[in-house]
Amino acid sequence: MNEIRKETKIHDCMISCHGYFDATTEELKKIFGHEDFFGRSFDYKSRRVWDLELHTDKDDTPIRVYDWKLYRAYPQDETITWHISAVDEEHGKTAEEIIKSMLEKIRK
């Protein structure tokens, strides 16, 4: 069974962007709880970050959900495009599918 859980060990491996989805911050907080980082990232390119772990039948790998290059504060009820970083495209797309499914459930 594929699922996503809260995780904090993401710094141990290389990840890059492999997925996208649209949601509000409020929706993500309902699913994943409070973000792991809020403010300005060291490179000023992200304001909100969730470090998570994708659990599949094959393996467990870190993923990161984050806003990217908005360069502005935005209300928590504004829908924006979020990015998913993962170890490869397969894990990124799997995470994207799971997150979109989770969003569909809370939007009903």
N, C-alpha and C. Protein backbone atom coordinates (compact mmCIF):
# COMPACT_ATOMS: atom_id res chain seq x y z
N MET A 1 0.84 -1.19 0.00
CA MET A 1 0.00 0.00 0.00
C MET A 1 0.88 1.24 0.00
N ASN A 2 0.61 2.15 -0.90
CA ASN A 2 1.37 3.38 -0.97
C ASN A 2 0.76 4.43 -0.05
N GLU A 3 1.62 5.11 0.70
CA GLU A 3 1.15 6.19 1.57
C GLU A 3 2.27 7.18 1.81
N ILE A 4 1.89 8.33 2.36
CA ILE A 4 2.87 9.37 2.68
C ILE A 4 2.74 9.67 4.16
N ARG A 5 3.90 9.75 4.83
CA ARG A 5 3.93 10.05 6.27
C ARG A 5 4.88 11.21 6.52
N LYS A 6 4.69 11.83 7.66
CA LYS A 6 5.58 12.91 8.11
C LYS A 6 6.96 12.33 8.36
N GLU A 7 8.00 13.03 7.92
CA GLU A 7 9.37 12.53 8.06
C GLU A 7 10.32 13.72 8.21
N THR A 8 11.41 13.52 8.93
CA THR A 8 12.37 14.60 9.12
C THR A 8 13.78 14.24 8.70
N LYS A 9 14.00 13.06 8.10
CA LYS A 9 15.34 12.63 7.72
C LYS A 9 15.66 12.95 6.26
N ILE A 10 15.00 13.91 5.68
CA ILE A 10 15.13 14.19 4.26
C ILE A 10 16.52 14.68 3.87
N HIS A 11 17.25 15.21 4.80
CA HIS A 11 18.55 15.79 4.48
C HIS A 11 19.60 14.75 4.14
N ASP A 12 19.27 13.47 4.28
CA ASP A 12 20.24 12.40 4.06
C ASP A 12 20.41 11.99 2.61
N CYS A 13 19.63 12.53 1.67
CA CYS A 13 19.77 12.10 0.28
C CYS A 13 19.48 13.24 -0.68
N MET A 14 19.83 13.02 -1.94
CA MET A 14 19.62 14.02 -2.99
C MET A 14 18.22 13.87 -3.57
N ILE A 15 17.47 14.97 -3.63
CA ILE A 15 16.16 14.96 -4.25
C ILE A 15 16.05 16.16 -5.17
N SER A 16 15.14 16.07 -6.14
CA SER A 16 14.89 17.19 -7.03
C SER A 16 13.43 17.14 -7.47
N CYS A 17 12.97 18.19 -8.11
CA CYS A 17 11.55 18.33 -8.45
C CYS A 17 11.11 17.31 -9.49
N HIS A 18 10.06 16.56 -9.13
CA HIS A 18 9.51 15.55 -10.04
C HIS A 18 7.98 15.52 -10.00
N GLY A 19 7.32 16.57 -9.52
CA GLY A 19 5.87 16.57 -9.49
C GLY A 19 5.30 17.90 -9.05
N TYR A 20 4.00 18.10 -9.37
CA TYR A 20 3.31 19.35 -9.06
C TYR A 20 1.85 19.05 -8.74
N PHE A 21 1.25 19.93 -7.95
CA PHE A 21 -0.19 19.87 -7.70
C PHE A 21 -0.64 21.23 -7.19
N ASP A 22 -1.93 21.50 -7.30
CA ASP A 22 -2.52 22.76 -6.83
C ASP A 22 -3.29 22.50 -5.55
N ALA A 23 -3.07 23.36 -4.56
CA ALA A 23 -3.76 23.24 -3.27
C ALA A 23 -3.55 24.53 -2.48
N THR A 24 -4.29 24.64 -1.39
CA THR A 24 -4.08 25.75 -0.46
C THR A 24 -3.19 25.26 0.69
N THR A 25 -2.61 26.19 1.40
CA THR A 25 -1.85 25.84 2.60
C THR A 25 -2.76 25.18 3.62
N GLU A 26 -3.99 25.69 3.74
CA GLU A 26 -4.95 25.11 4.68
C GLU A 26 -5.19 23.64 4.39
N GLU A 27 -5.32 23.29 3.11
CA GLU A 27 -5.54 21.89 2.75
C GLU A 27 -4.34 21.02 3.13
N LEU A 28 -3.14 21.53 2.86
CA LEU A 28 -1.95 20.74 3.20
C LEU A 28 -1.80 20.57 4.71
N LYS A 29 -2.18 21.58 5.47
CA LYS A 29 -2.12 21.45 6.93
C LYS A 29 -3.12 20.41 7.43
N LYS A 30 -4.27 20.30 6.77
CA LYS A 30 -5.25 19.27 7.15
C LYS A 30 -4.67 17.87 6.90
N ILE A 31 -3.91 17.73 5.84
CA ILE A 31 -3.37 16.42 5.48
C ILE A 31 -2.10 16.10 6.24
N PHE A 32 -1.15 17.04 6.28
CA PHE A 32 0.19 16.76 6.80
C PHE A 32 0.53 17.45 8.12
N GLY A 33 -0.37 18.27 8.63
CA GLY A 33 -0.06 19.04 9.84
C GLY A 33 0.73 20.29 9.47
N HIS A 34 1.26 20.95 10.47
CA HIS A 34 2.00 22.19 10.21
C HIS A 34 3.26 21.91 9.40
N GLU A 35 3.63 22.87 8.60
CA GLU A 35 4.81 22.74 7.77
C GLU A 35 6.07 22.60 8.64
N ASP A 36 7.10 21.99 8.08
CA ASP A 36 8.37 21.83 8.80
C ASP A 36 9.20 23.09 8.74
N PHE A 37 8.93 23.92 7.75
CA PHE A 37 9.65 25.18 7.62
C PHE A 37 8.68 26.24 7.15
N PHE A 38 8.71 27.39 7.82
CA PHE A 38 7.92 28.54 7.38
C PHE A 38 8.79 29.77 7.54
N GLY A 39 8.89 30.55 6.52
CA GLY A 39 9.72 31.74 6.51
C GLY A 39 10.39 31.86 5.16
N ARG A 40 11.59 32.32 5.15
CA ARG A 40 12.35 32.38 3.90
C ARG A 40 13.45 31.34 3.93
N SER A 41 13.52 30.53 2.89
CA SER A 41 14.59 29.55 2.81
C SER A 41 15.92 30.27 2.62
N PHE A 42 17.01 29.53 2.77
CA PHE A 42 18.33 30.15 2.67
C PHE A 42 18.54 30.83 1.33
N ASP A 43 17.89 30.35 0.28
CA ASP A 43 18.04 30.95 -1.04
C ASP A 43 16.86 31.85 -1.41
N TYR A 44 15.96 32.08 -0.46
CA TYR A 44 14.78 32.94 -0.63
C TYR A 44 13.81 32.43 -1.70
N LYS A 45 13.84 31.14 -2.03
CA LYS A 45 12.99 30.63 -3.09
C LYS A 45 11.77 29.87 -2.59
N SER A 46 11.71 29.55 -1.31
CA SER A 46 10.56 28.86 -0.73
C SER A 46 10.19 29.51 0.59
N ARG A 47 8.89 29.48 0.89
CA ARG A 47 8.41 30.02 2.17
C ARG A 47 7.82 28.92 3.07
N ARG A 48 7.28 27.87 2.46
CA ARG A 48 6.66 26.78 3.22
C ARG A 48 7.17 25.45 2.69
N VAL A 49 7.54 24.56 3.63
CA VAL A 49 8.11 23.26 3.27
C VAL A 49 7.58 22.17 4.19
N TRP A 50 7.19 21.04 3.61
CA TRP A 50 6.86 19.83 4.37
C TRP A 50 7.85 18.75 3.97
N ASP A 51 8.53 18.16 4.93
CA ASP A 51 9.40 17.01 4.70
C ASP A 51 8.61 15.76 5.05
N LEU A 52 8.49 14.87 4.08
CA LEU A 52 7.63 13.70 4.21
C LEU A 52 8.37 12.45 3.75
N GLU A 53 7.73 11.30 3.92
CA GLU A 53 8.32 10.07 3.42
C GLU A 53 7.26 9.29 2.66
N LEU A 54 7.62 8.85 1.47
CA LEU A 54 6.75 8.03 0.64
C LEU A 54 7.03 6.56 0.94
N HIS A 55 5.98 5.85 1.36
CA HIS A 55 6.09 4.43 1.66
C HIS A 55 5.39 3.65 0.55
N THR A 56 6.13 2.79 -0.16
CA THR A 56 5.56 1.95 -1.20
C THR A 56 5.88 0.49 -0.88
N ASP A 57 5.36 -0.40 -1.70
CA ASP A 57 5.66 -1.82 -1.52
C ASP A 57 7.15 -2.11 -1.76
N LYS A 58 7.80 -1.26 -2.55
CA LYS A 58 9.21 -1.47 -2.89
C LYS A 58 10.18 -0.84 -1.89
N ASP A 59 9.86 0.37 -1.42
CA ASP A 59 10.81 1.06 -0.54
C ASP A 59 10.16 2.25 0.16
N ASP A 60 10.94 2.88 1.01
CA ASP A 60 10.55 4.12 1.69
C ASP A 60 11.55 5.18 1.27
N THR A 61 11.05 6.29 0.75
CA THR A 61 11.96 7.34 0.29
C THR A 61 11.45 8.71 0.71
N PRO A 62 12.35 9.64 0.96
CA PRO A 62 11.94 10.99 1.35
C PRO A 62 11.38 11.76 0.17
N ILE A 63 10.42 12.61 0.48
CA ILE A 63 9.93 13.59 -0.49
C ILE A 63 9.78 14.92 0.23
N ARG A 64 9.73 15.97 -0.52
CA ARG A 64 9.53 17.31 0.04
C ARG A 64 8.45 18.00 -0.78
N VAL A 65 7.51 18.64 -0.09
CA VAL A 65 6.47 19.46 -0.71
C VAL A 65 6.78 20.90 -0.35
N TYR A 66 6.79 21.78 -1.36
CA TYR A 66 7.18 23.16 -1.11
C TYR A 66 6.62 24.11 -2.17
N ASP A 67 6.48 25.36 -1.78
CA ASP A 67 6.15 26.40 -2.75
C ASP A 67 7.48 26.79 -3.40
N TRP A 68 7.44 27.42 -4.55
CA TRP A 68 8.69 27.70 -5.25
C TRP A 68 8.61 29.03 -5.98
N LYS A 69 9.47 29.92 -5.62
CA LYS A 69 9.67 31.20 -6.30
C LYS A 69 8.41 32.05 -6.40
N LEU A 70 7.62 32.08 -5.34
CA LEU A 70 6.48 33.01 -5.33
C LEU A 70 6.93 34.40 -4.92
N TYR A 71 7.97 34.49 -4.11
CA TYR A 71 8.57 35.75 -3.69
C TYR A 71 7.57 36.71 -3.05
N ARG A 72 6.57 36.16 -2.39
CA ARG A 72 5.57 37.01 -1.73
C ARG A 72 4.86 36.20 -0.65
N ALA A 73 4.32 36.93 0.30
CA ALA A 73 3.44 36.27 1.26
C ALA A 73 2.10 36.02 0.55
N TYR A 74 1.43 34.95 0.93
CA TYR A 74 0.14 34.65 0.32
C TYR A 74 -0.78 34.10 1.40
N PRO A 75 -2.09 34.33 1.25
CA PRO A 75 -3.03 33.83 2.26
C PRO A 75 -3.09 32.31 2.25
N GLN A 76 -3.37 31.73 3.41
CA GLN A 76 -3.41 30.27 3.52
C GLN A 76 -4.56 29.64 2.74
N ASP A 77 -5.56 30.46 2.34
CA ASP A 77 -6.67 29.91 1.56
C ASP A 77 -6.51 30.15 0.06
N GLU A 78 -5.37 30.65 -0.36
CA GLU A 78 -5.10 30.86 -1.79
C GLU A 78 -4.56 29.56 -2.40
N THR A 79 -5.14 29.16 -3.52
CA THR A 79 -4.64 27.98 -4.22
C THR A 79 -3.40 28.36 -5.01
N ILE A 80 -2.33 27.61 -4.79
CA ILE A 80 -1.08 27.82 -5.52
C ILE A 80 -0.57 26.47 -6.03
N THR A 81 0.42 26.51 -6.90
CA THR A 81 1.04 25.29 -7.39
C THR A 81 2.19 24.93 -6.45
N TRP A 82 2.13 23.71 -5.91
CA TRP A 82 3.16 23.18 -5.03
C TRP A 82 4.05 22.24 -5.81
N HIS A 83 5.29 22.13 -5.40
CA HIS A 83 6.27 21.26 -6.03
C HIS A 83 6.55 20.06 -5.14
N ILE A 84 6.87 18.94 -5.76
CA ILE A 84 7.24 17.72 -5.04
C ILE A 84 8.65 17.34 -5.46
N SER A 85 9.55 17.29 -4.50
CA SER A 85 10.89 16.79 -4.77
C SER A 85 10.98 15.35 -4.30
N ALA A 86 11.64 14.52 -5.09
CA ALA A 86 11.80 13.10 -4.78
C ALA A 86 13.13 12.63 -5.36
N VAL A 87 13.48 11.39 -5.06
CA VAL A 87 14.76 10.85 -5.54
C VAL A 87 14.75 10.61 -7.04
N ASP A 88 13.58 10.37 -7.63
CA ASP A 88 13.49 10.18 -9.08
C ASP A 88 12.06 10.44 -9.54
N GLU A 89 11.85 10.39 -10.86
CA GLU A 89 10.54 10.70 -11.43
C GLU A 89 9.47 9.72 -10.97
N GLU A 90 9.80 8.44 -10.90
CA GLU A 90 8.82 7.43 -10.48
C GLU A 90 8.27 7.74 -9.09
N HIS A 91 9.15 8.04 -8.14
CA HIS A 91 8.70 8.35 -6.78
C HIS A 91 7.94 9.68 -6.75
N GLY A 92 8.38 10.64 -7.53
CA GLY A 92 7.69 11.93 -7.59
C GLY A 92 6.28 11.79 -8.11
N LYS A 93 6.10 11.02 -9.18
CA LYS A 93 4.77 10.82 -9.76
C LYS A 93 3.87 10.02 -8.82
N THR A 94 4.44 9.04 -8.13
CA THR A 94 3.65 8.27 -7.16
C THR A 94 3.18 9.19 -6.03
N ALA A 95 4.08 10.01 -5.53
CA ALA A 95 3.71 10.96 -4.47
C ALA A 95 2.65 11.93 -4.97
N GLU A 96 2.80 12.41 -6.20
CA GLU A 96 1.82 13.33 -6.78
C GLU A 96 0.43 12.68 -6.82
N GLU A 97 0.35 11.44 -7.27
CA GLU A 97 -0.93 10.73 -7.34
C GLU A 97 -1.55 10.59 -5.95
N ILE A 98 -0.75 10.22 -4.97
CA ILE A 98 -1.26 10.04 -3.61
C ILE A 98 -1.77 11.36 -3.04
N ILE A 99 -0.98 12.42 -3.20
CA ILE A 99 -1.38 13.73 -2.67
C ILE A 99 -2.66 14.21 -3.34
N LYS A 100 -2.76 14.06 -4.65
CA LYS A 100 -3.98 14.48 -5.34
C LYS A 100 -5.19 13.68 -4.86
N SER A 101 -5.00 12.40 -4.58
CA SER A 101 -6.08 11.58 -4.05
C SER A 101 -6.48 12.04 -2.65
N MET A 102 -5.49 12.36 -1.82
CA MET A 102 -5.77 12.86 -0.47
C MET A 102 -6.53 14.19 -0.53
N LEU A 103 -6.15 15.04 -1.46
CA LEU A 103 -6.83 16.33 -1.62
C LEU A 103 -8.29 16.12 -2.06
N GLU A 104 -8.51 15.21 -2.97
CA GLU A 104 -9.89 14.92 -3.42
C GLU A 104 -10.76 14.51 -2.24
N LYS A 105 -10.23 13.70 -1.34
CA LYS A 105 -11.00 13.22 -0.20
C LYS A 105 -11.38 14.34 0.75
N ILE A 106 -10.46 15.28 1.02
CA ILE A 106 -10.81 16.35 1.96
C ILE A 106 -11.65 17.43 1.31
N ARG A 107 -11.70 17.47 0.00
CA ARG A 107 -12.50 18.48 -0.71
C ARG A 107 -13.95 18.08 -0.87
N LYS A 108 -14.27 16.85 -0.56
CA LYS A 108 -15.66 16.36 -0.72
C LYS A 108 -16.54 16.84 0.41
